[in-house]
Amino acid sequence: MQVGLIFGFWGAGQGLAHLSGLPIPGALIGLVLLLLALSSGRLSHLSARRGAQCFLADMLLFFVPAVLAVTDHPEFLGWLGLKLLVVVLGGTLVVMVATALTVEWCYRWLTARGAQQRPDVPRQPLRRVASQAPVEGRS
């Protein structure tokens, strides 16, 4: 029944994507609809929990078509596959390093900017959790 609920959101997303003509996959729209229902409290997380666990337990089955594609193209098991693996891993590494450097640069820029605007207040690192109590003397 809970798997059916998840399929229902998927179907609703597919229908909305088809009717609206948006270039967004229906599965993504269904996922957003499910997220909205959960976050608004109209749907309890317990209502979809078992269905989600069922999907996660059988996740390997969702990747079987990818494995079959590799068996249909034996050239992926040779030099071409190795080259593709190097390109994918290298690209992933470049994206991760670029993201880390951008976050670090933005953090330093915000920290320096905050110190320039309020020189009377000693520099402190940005708060990472919004629910922490305010630091004494600052609002």
C-alpha atoms as a PDB file:
ATOM      1  CA  MET A   1       0.000   0.000   0.000  1.00  0.00           C
ATOM      2  CA  GLN A   2       2.813   2.412   0.855  1.00  0.00           C
ATOM      3  CA  VAL A   3       4.611   1.543  -2.382  1.00  0.00           C
ATOM      4  CA  GLY A   4       1.336   2.403  -4.116  1.00  0.00           C
ATOM      5  CA  LEU A   5       1.347   5.787  -2.374  1.00  0.00           C
ATOM      6  CA  ILE A   6       4.812   6.524  -3.732  1.00  0.00           C
ATOM      7  CA  PHE A   7       3.719   5.353  -7.182  1.00  0.00           C
ATOM      8  CA  GLY A   8       0.715   7.660  -6.848  1.00  0.00           C
ATOM      9  CA  PHE A   9       2.954  10.674  -6.355  1.00  0.00           C
ATOM     10  CA  TRP A  10       5.081   9.506  -9.274  1.00  0.00           C
ATOM     11  CA  GLY A  11       1.970   9.207 -11.454  1.00  0.00           C
ATOM     12  CA  ALA A  12       0.727  12.636 -10.392  1.00  0.00           C
ATOM     13  CA  GLY A  13       4.106  14.106 -11.287  1.00  0.00           C
ATOM     14  CA  GLN A  14       4.064  12.358 -14.663  1.00  0.00           C
ATOM     15  CA  GLY A  15       0.592  13.712 -15.343  1.00  0.00           C
ATOM     16  CA  LEU A  16       1.533  17.259 -14.367  1.00  0.00           C
ATOM     17  CA  ALA A  17       4.658  17.121 -16.518  1.00  0.00           C
ATOM     18  CA  HIS A  18       2.640  15.886 -19.484  1.00  0.00           C
ATOM     19  CA  LEU A  19      -0.175  18.412 -19.061  1.00  0.00           C
ATOM     20  CA  SER A  20       2.068  21.403 -18.407  1.00  0.00           C
ATOM     21  CA  GLY A  21       4.605  20.589 -21.102  1.00  0.00           C
ATOM     22  CA  LEU A  22       7.462  21.502 -18.772  1.00  0.00           C
ATOM     23  CA  PRO A  23      10.854  20.032 -19.665  1.00  0.00           C
ATOM     24  CA  ILE A  24      11.108  18.562 -16.155  1.00  0.00           C
ATOM     25  CA  PRO A  25      10.869  14.810 -15.552  1.00  0.00           C
ATOM     26  CA  GLY A  26       7.571  13.747 -14.026  1.00  0.00           C
ATOM     27  CA  ALA A  27       9.391  11.702 -11.405  1.00  0.00           C
ATOM     28  CA  LEU A  28      11.080  14.864 -10.140  1.00  0.00           C
ATOM     29  CA  ILE A  29       7.760  16.711  -9.978  1.00  0.00           C
ATOM     30  CA  GLY A  30       6.276  13.757  -8.071  1.00  0.00           C
ATOM     31  CA  LEU A  31       9.204  13.842  -5.648  1.00  0.00           C
ATOM     32  CA  VAL A  32       8.626  17.554  -5.035  1.00  0.00           C
ATOM     33  CA  LEU A  33       4.909  16.895  -4.479  1.00  0.00           C
ATOM     34  CA  LEU A  34       5.771  14.181  -1.950  1.00  0.00           C
ATOM     35  CA  LEU A  35       8.235  16.519  -0.225  1.00  0.00           C
ATOM     36  CA  LEU A  36       5.604  19.270  -0.035  1.00  0.00           C
ATOM     37  CA  ALA A  37       3.036  16.840   1.407  1.00  0.00           C
ATOM     38  CA  LEU A  38       5.529  15.634   4.022  1.00  0.00           C
ATOM     39  CA  SER A  39       6.827  19.079   4.977  1.00  0.00           C
ATOM     40  CA  SER A  40       3.338  20.610   5.228  1.00  0.00           C
ATOM     41  CA  GLY A  41       2.246  17.877   7.624  1.00  0.00           C
ATOM     42  CA  ARG A  42      -0.574  16.663   5.369  1.00  0.00           C
ATOM     43  CA  LEU A  43       1.229  13.336   5.084  1.00  0.00           C
ATOM     44  CA  SER A  44       3.046  11.603   7.910  1.00  0.00           C
ATOM     45  CA  HIS A  45       6.504  10.256   7.184  1.00  0.00           C
ATOM     46  CA  LEU A  46       5.272   6.960   8.577  1.00  0.00           C
ATOM     47  CA  SER A  47       2.800   6.752   5.682  1.00  0.00           C
ATOM     48  CA  ALA A  48       5.560   6.307   3.121  1.00  0.00           C
ATOM     49  CA  ARG A  49       8.294   4.822   5.287  1.00  0.00           C
ATOM     50  CA  ARG A  50       7.816   1.130   4.484  1.00  0.00           C
ATOM     51  CA  GLY A  51       7.414   1.823   0.784  1.00  0.00           C
ATOM     52  CA  ALA A  52      10.607   3.845   0.735  1.00  0.00           C
ATOM     53  CA  GLN A  53      12.435   1.117   2.656  1.00  0.00           C
ATOM     54  CA  CYS A  54      11.195  -1.447   0.143  1.00  0.00           C
ATOM     55  CA  PHE A  55      12.604   0.617  -2.722  1.00  0.00           C
ATOM     56  CA  LEU A  56      15.905   1.135  -0.921  1.00  0.00           C
ATOM     57  CA  ALA A  57      16.225  -2.570  -0.111  1.00  0.00           C
ATOM     58  CA  ASP A  58      15.864  -3.454  -3.792  1.00  0.00           C
ATOM     59  CA  MET A  59      17.873  -0.542  -5.161  1.00  0.00           C
ATOM     60  CA  LEU A  60      20.256  -2.875  -7.002  1.00  0.00           C
ATOM     61  CA  LEU A  61      17.387  -3.993  -9.239  1.00  0.00           C
ATOM     62  CA  PHE A  62      17.011  -0.442 -10.518  1.00  0.00           C
ATOM     63  CA  PHE A  63      20.579  -0.567 -11.856  1.00  0.00           C
ATOM     64  CA  VAL A  64      20.237  -3.884 -13.698  1.00  0.00           C
ATOM     65  CA  PRO A  65      19.546  -2.122 -17.046  1.00  0.00           C
ATOM     66  CA  ALA A  66      22.870  -0.289 -16.694  1.00  0.00           C
ATOM     67  CA  VAL A  67      24.669  -3.591 -16.111  1.00  0.00           C
ATOM     68  CA  LEU A  68      22.933  -5.106 -19.136  1.00  0.00           C
ATOM     69  CA  ALA A  69      24.061  -2.153 -21.251  1.00  0.00           C
ATOM     70  CA  VAL A  70      27.665  -2.896 -20.313  1.00  0.00           C
ATOM     71  CA  THR A  71      27.243  -6.535 -21.338  1.00  0.00           C
ATOM     72  CA  ASP A  72      25.812  -5.402 -24.702  1.00  0.00           C
ATOM     73  CA  HIS A  73      28.909  -3.258 -25.297  1.00  0.00           C
ATOM     74  CA  PRO A  74      31.981  -5.324 -24.467  1.00  0.00           C
ATOM     75  CA  GLU A  75      34.236  -2.447 -25.554  1.00  0.00           C
ATOM     76  CA  PHE A  76      33.434  -0.809 -22.193  1.00  0.00           C
ATOM     77  CA  LEU A  77      35.329  -3.624 -20.485  1.00  0.00           C
ATOM     78  CA  GLY A  78      38.586  -2.730 -22.295  1.00  0.00           C
ATOM     79  CA  TRP A  79      40.610   0.444 -22.879  1.00  0.00           C
ATOM     80  CA  LEU A  80      37.540   2.512 -23.736  1.00  0.00           C
ATOM     81  CA  GLY A  81      35.938   1.661 -20.408  1.00  0.00           C
ATOM     82  CA  LEU A  82      39.151   2.494 -18.572  1.00  0.00           C
ATOM     83  CA  LYS A  83      39.389   5.841 -20.380  1.00  0.00           C
ATOM     84  CA  LEU A  84      35.768   6.605 -19.517  1.00  0.00           C
ATOM     85  CA  LEU A  85      36.389   5.689 -15.884  1.00  0.00           C
ATOM     86  CA  VAL A  86      39.399   8.039 -15.717  1.00  0.00           C
ATOM     87  CA  VAL A  87      37.402  10.868 -17.297  1.00  0.00           C
ATOM     88  CA  VAL A  88      34.433  10.390 -14.947  1.00  0.00           C
ATOM     89  CA  LEU A  89      36.614  10.161 -11.822  1.00  0.00           C
ATOM     90  CA  GLY A  90      38.770  13.096 -12.955  1.00  0.00           C
ATOM     91  CA  GLY A  91      35.710  15.217 -13.698  1.00  0.00           C
ATOM     92  CA  THR A  92      34.223  14.372 -10.318  1.00  0.00           C
ATOM     93  CA  LEU A  93      37.477  15.340  -8.592  1.00  0.00           C
ATOM     94  CA  VAL A  94      37.667  18.652 -10.488  1.00  0.00           C
ATOM     95  CA  VAL A  95      34.077  19.524  -9.546  1.00  0.00           C
ATOM     96  CA  MET A  96      34.655  18.660  -5.879  1.00  0.00           C
ATOM     97  CA  VAL A  97      37.870  20.709  -5.682  1.00  0.00           C
ATOM     98  CA  ALA A  98      36.271  23.678  -7.476  1.00  0.00           C
ATOM     99  CA  THR A  99      33.300  23.563  -5.119  1.00  0.00           C
ATOM    100  CA  ALA A 100      35.541  23.385  -2.035  1.00  0.00           C
ATOM    101  CA  LEU A 101      37.670  26.305  -3.220  1.00  0.00           C
ATOM    102  CA  THR A 102      34.591  28.384  -4.036  1.00  0.00           C
ATOM    103  CA  VAL A 103      33.059  27.738  -0.615  1.00  0.00           C
ATOM    104  CA  GLU A 104      36.366  28.588   1.092  1.00  0.00           C
ATOM    105  CA  TRP A 105      36.741  31.792  -0.936  1.00  0.00           C
ATOM    106  CA  CYS A 106      33.152  32.866  -0.163  1.00  0.00           C
ATOM    107  CA  TYR A 107      33.615  32.124   3.541  1.00  0.00           C
ATOM    108  CA  ARG A 108      36.813  34.185   3.706  1.00  0.00           C
ATOM    109  CA  TRP A 109      35.205  36.994   1.713  1.00  0.00           C
ATOM    110  CA  LEU A 110      32.162  37.102   4.014  1.00  0.00           C
ATOM    111  CA  THR A 111      34.358  36.965   7.117  1.00  0.00           C
ATOM    112  CA  ALA A 112      36.591  39.814   5.863  1.00  0.00           C
ATOM    113  CA  ARG A 113      33.581  41.849   4.774  1.00  0.00           C
ATOM    114  CA  GLY A 114      31.952  41.444   8.189  1.00  0.00           C
ATOM    115  CA  ALA A 115      35.148  42.639   9.933  1.00  0.00           C
ATOM    116  CA  GLN A 116      35.360  45.714   7.678  1.00  0.00           C
ATOM    117  CA  GLN A 117      31.785  46.722   8.406  1.00  0.00           C
ATOM    118  CA  ARG A 118      32.083  46.376  12.194  1.00  0.00           C
ATOM    119  CA  PRO A 119      35.689  46.939  13.265  1.00  0.00           C
ATOM    120  CA  ASP A 120      34.711  47.263  16.953  1.00  0.00           C
ATOM    121  CA  VAL A 121      33.541  43.649  17.098  1.00  0.00           C
ATOM    122  CA  PRO A 122      36.214  40.937  17.155  1.00  0.00           C
ATOM    123  CA  ARG A 123      36.083  38.532  14.219  1.00  0.00           C
ATOM    124  CA  GLN A 124      34.367  35.255  14.955  1.00  0.00           C
ATOM    125  CA  PRO A 125      33.601  32.390  12.607  1.00  0.00           C
ATOM    126  CA  LEU A 126      30.146  32.259  11.062  1.00  0.00           C
ATOM    127  CA  ARG A 127      27.576  30.247  12.974  1.00  0.00           C
ATOM    128  CA  ARG A 128      26.931  26.885  11.399  1.00  0.00           C
ATOM    129  CA  VAL A 129      23.647  26.068  13.144  1.00  0.00           C
ATOM    130  CA  ALA A 130      20.840  28.607  13.133  1.00  0.00           C
ATOM    131  CA  SER A 131      19.297  27.216  16.325  1.00  0.00           C
ATOM    132  CA  GLN A 132      22.317  28.100  18.497  1.00  0.00           C
ATOM    133  CA  ALA A 133      21.860  30.784  21.118  1.00  0.00           C
ATOM    134  CA  PRO A 134      23.234  34.219  20.121  1.00  0.00           C
ATOM    135  CA  VAL A 135      26.750  35.085  21.210  1.00  0.00           C
ATOM    136  CA  GLU A 136      26.855  37.380  24.272  1.00  0.00           C
ATOM    137  CA  GLY A 137      27.041  41.042  23.267  1.00  0.00           C
ATOM    138  CA  ARG A 138      25.869  40.468  19.690  1.00  0.00           C
ATOM    139  CA  SER A 139      22.362  40.329  18.348  1.00  0.00           C
END
